[in-house]
Amino acid sequence: MVLGSIVSFVVALLVGGLAIYAGARVIADVDDYSHAVITALIGAVAWALVSWVPLVGPLIALVVWVGVINWRYPGGWGQAAIIGLVAWIAALVILFVLNGLLSLGIGAFGVPGA
């Protein structure tokens, strides 16, 4: 049971990292998958730390998540928000393929709402 949880976490983190990598590659021309995986991990932890706040938690968490992307990638807040949007779309596509076609039933750790 513990091994399954660890494998699920690692796969979800790699998917989240791949989605952020896609966004960063397209928008900021940064080609570093390991940097994207670390960004996904930091973003997921940051999201978890603030999303519990009643009423405004998810909004604050989204700003914090974009802030993590802004901190980790060049280009400022606007570009970070676009990287996040592209990452979210990429995560949905990746998850559609993995879950819809291969029936894996996984999520994307580090990409909100995916």
Protein backbone atom coordinates (compact mmCIF):
# COMPACT_ATOMS: atom_id res chain seq x y z
CA MET A 1 0.00 0.00 0.00
CA VAL A 2 2.80 2.45 0.90
CA LEU A 3 4.72 1.55 -2.26
CA GLY A 4 1.63 2.27 -4.37
CA SER A 5 1.25 5.68 -2.74
CA ILE A 6 4.90 6.49 -3.37
CA VAL A 7 4.66 5.41 -7.00
CA SER A 8 1.47 7.47 -7.47
CA PHE A 9 3.13 10.53 -5.91
CA VAL A 10 6.24 10.19 -8.10
CA VAL A 11 4.22 9.70 -11.31
CA ALA A 12 1.94 12.65 -10.46
CA LEU A 13 4.99 14.82 -9.69
CA LEU A 14 6.62 13.85 -12.99
CA VAL A 15 3.39 14.67 -14.85
CA GLY A 16 3.15 18.04 -13.08
CA GLY A 17 6.80 18.69 -13.89
CA LEU A 18 6.22 17.78 -17.53
CA ALA A 19 3.32 20.22 -17.73
CA ILE A 20 5.37 23.05 -16.19
CA TYR A 21 8.27 22.12 -18.47
CA ALA A 22 5.97 22.48 -21.49
CA GLY A 23 4.79 25.90 -20.32
CA ALA A 24 8.31 27.11 -19.54
CA ARG A 25 9.67 25.76 -22.82
CA VAL A 26 7.01 27.46 -24.91
CA ILE A 27 6.82 30.77 -23.02
CA ALA A 28 10.24 31.35 -21.42
CA ASP A 29 12.38 29.17 -23.73
CA VAL A 30 13.76 27.31 -20.70
CA ASP A 31 14.70 23.71 -21.48
CA ASP A 32 15.24 22.04 -18.08
CA TYR A 33 12.89 19.24 -17.00
CA SER A 34 14.47 18.77 -13.57
CA HIS A 35 13.98 22.48 -12.85
CA ALA A 36 10.31 22.06 -13.79
CA VAL A 37 9.88 19.04 -11.50
CA ILE A 38 11.38 20.96 -8.56
CA THR A 39 9.10 23.90 -9.42
CA ALA A 40 6.10 21.55 -9.40
CA LEU A 41 7.10 20.22 -5.99
CA ILE A 42 7.62 23.68 -4.49
CA GLY A 43 4.39 24.93 -6.09
CA ALA A 44 2.42 22.00 -4.70
CA VAL A 45 3.78 22.54 -1.19
CA ALA A 46 3.06 26.27 -1.41
CA TRP A 47 -0.47 25.55 -2.65
CA ALA A 48 -1.08 23.13 0.22
CA LEU A 49 0.14 25.64 2.79
CA VAL A 50 -2.32 28.39 1.84
CA SER A 51 -5.29 26.80 0.05
CA TRP A 52 -7.04 25.85 3.31
CA VAL A 53 -7.85 29.50 4.16
CA PRO A 54 -11.67 29.85 4.14
CA LEU A 55 -13.30 31.68 1.20
CA VAL A 56 -10.15 33.15 -0.39
CA GLY A 57 -7.75 30.22 0.06
CA PRO A 58 -7.87 28.93 -3.52
CA LEU A 59 -7.36 32.45 -4.92
CA ILE A 60 -4.43 33.10 -2.58
CA ALA A 61 -3.02 29.68 -3.44
CA LEU A 62 -3.22 30.44 -7.16
CA VAL A 63 -1.33 33.72 -6.68
CA VAL A 64 1.27 31.91 -4.57
CA TRP A 65 1.62 29.17 -7.21
CA VAL A 66 2.15 31.75 -9.96
CA GLY A 67 4.61 33.47 -7.59
CA VAL A 68 6.61 30.26 -7.37
CA ILE A 69 6.75 30.10 -11.16
CA ASN A 70 7.72 33.79 -11.24
CA TRP A 71 10.53 33.09 -8.75
CA ARG A 72 11.81 30.05 -10.66
CA TYR A 73 11.57 31.36 -14.24
CA PRO A 74 12.53 34.61 -15.98
CA GLY A 75 10.01 37.09 -17.33
CA GLY A 76 7.94 38.54 -14.50
CA TRP A 77 4.43 37.95 -13.20
CA GLY A 78 2.65 38.15 -16.56
CA GLN A 79 4.90 35.58 -18.15
CA ALA A 80 4.65 33.39 -15.03
CA ALA A 81 0.85 33.46 -15.28
CA ILE A 82 1.03 32.44 -18.95
CA ILE A 83 3.49 29.63 -18.10
CA GLY A 84 0.98 28.49 -15.47
CA LEU A 85 -1.90 28.59 -17.96
CA VAL A 86 0.06 26.61 -20.55
CA ALA A 87 1.13 24.16 -17.81
CA TRP A 88 -2.49 23.69 -16.76
CA ILE A 89 -3.59 23.00 -20.36
CA ALA A 90 -0.62 20.66 -20.88
CA ALA A 91 -1.49 18.79 -17.67
CA LEU A 92 -5.08 18.32 -18.84
CA VAL A 93 -3.87 16.92 -22.18
CA ILE A 94 -1.30 14.63 -20.52
CA LEU A 95 -3.86 13.40 -18.00
CA PHE A 96 -6.44 12.84 -20.73
CA VAL A 97 -3.99 10.60 -22.55
CA LEU A 98 -2.77 8.75 -19.45
CA ASN A 99 -6.16 8.36 -17.78
CA GLY A 100 -8.52 8.29 -20.75
CA LEU A 101 -6.59 6.09 -23.11
CA LEU A 102 -4.43 4.07 -20.71
CA SER A 103 -6.79 4.07 -17.68
CA LEU A 104 -4.03 4.92 -15.17
CA GLY A 105 -6.14 7.12 -12.86
CA ILE A 106 -3.44 9.62 -11.88
CA GLY A 107 -3.32 13.37 -11.25
CA ALA A 108 -0.71 16.07 -11.79
CA PHE A 109 1.05 17.04 -8.58
CA GLY A 110 2.15 20.67 -8.69
CA VAL A 111 -0.41 21.90 -11.23
CA PRO A 112 -3.60 23.20 -9.59
CA GLY A 113 -6.87 21.76 -10.81
CA ALA A 114 -5.27 19.10 -12.96
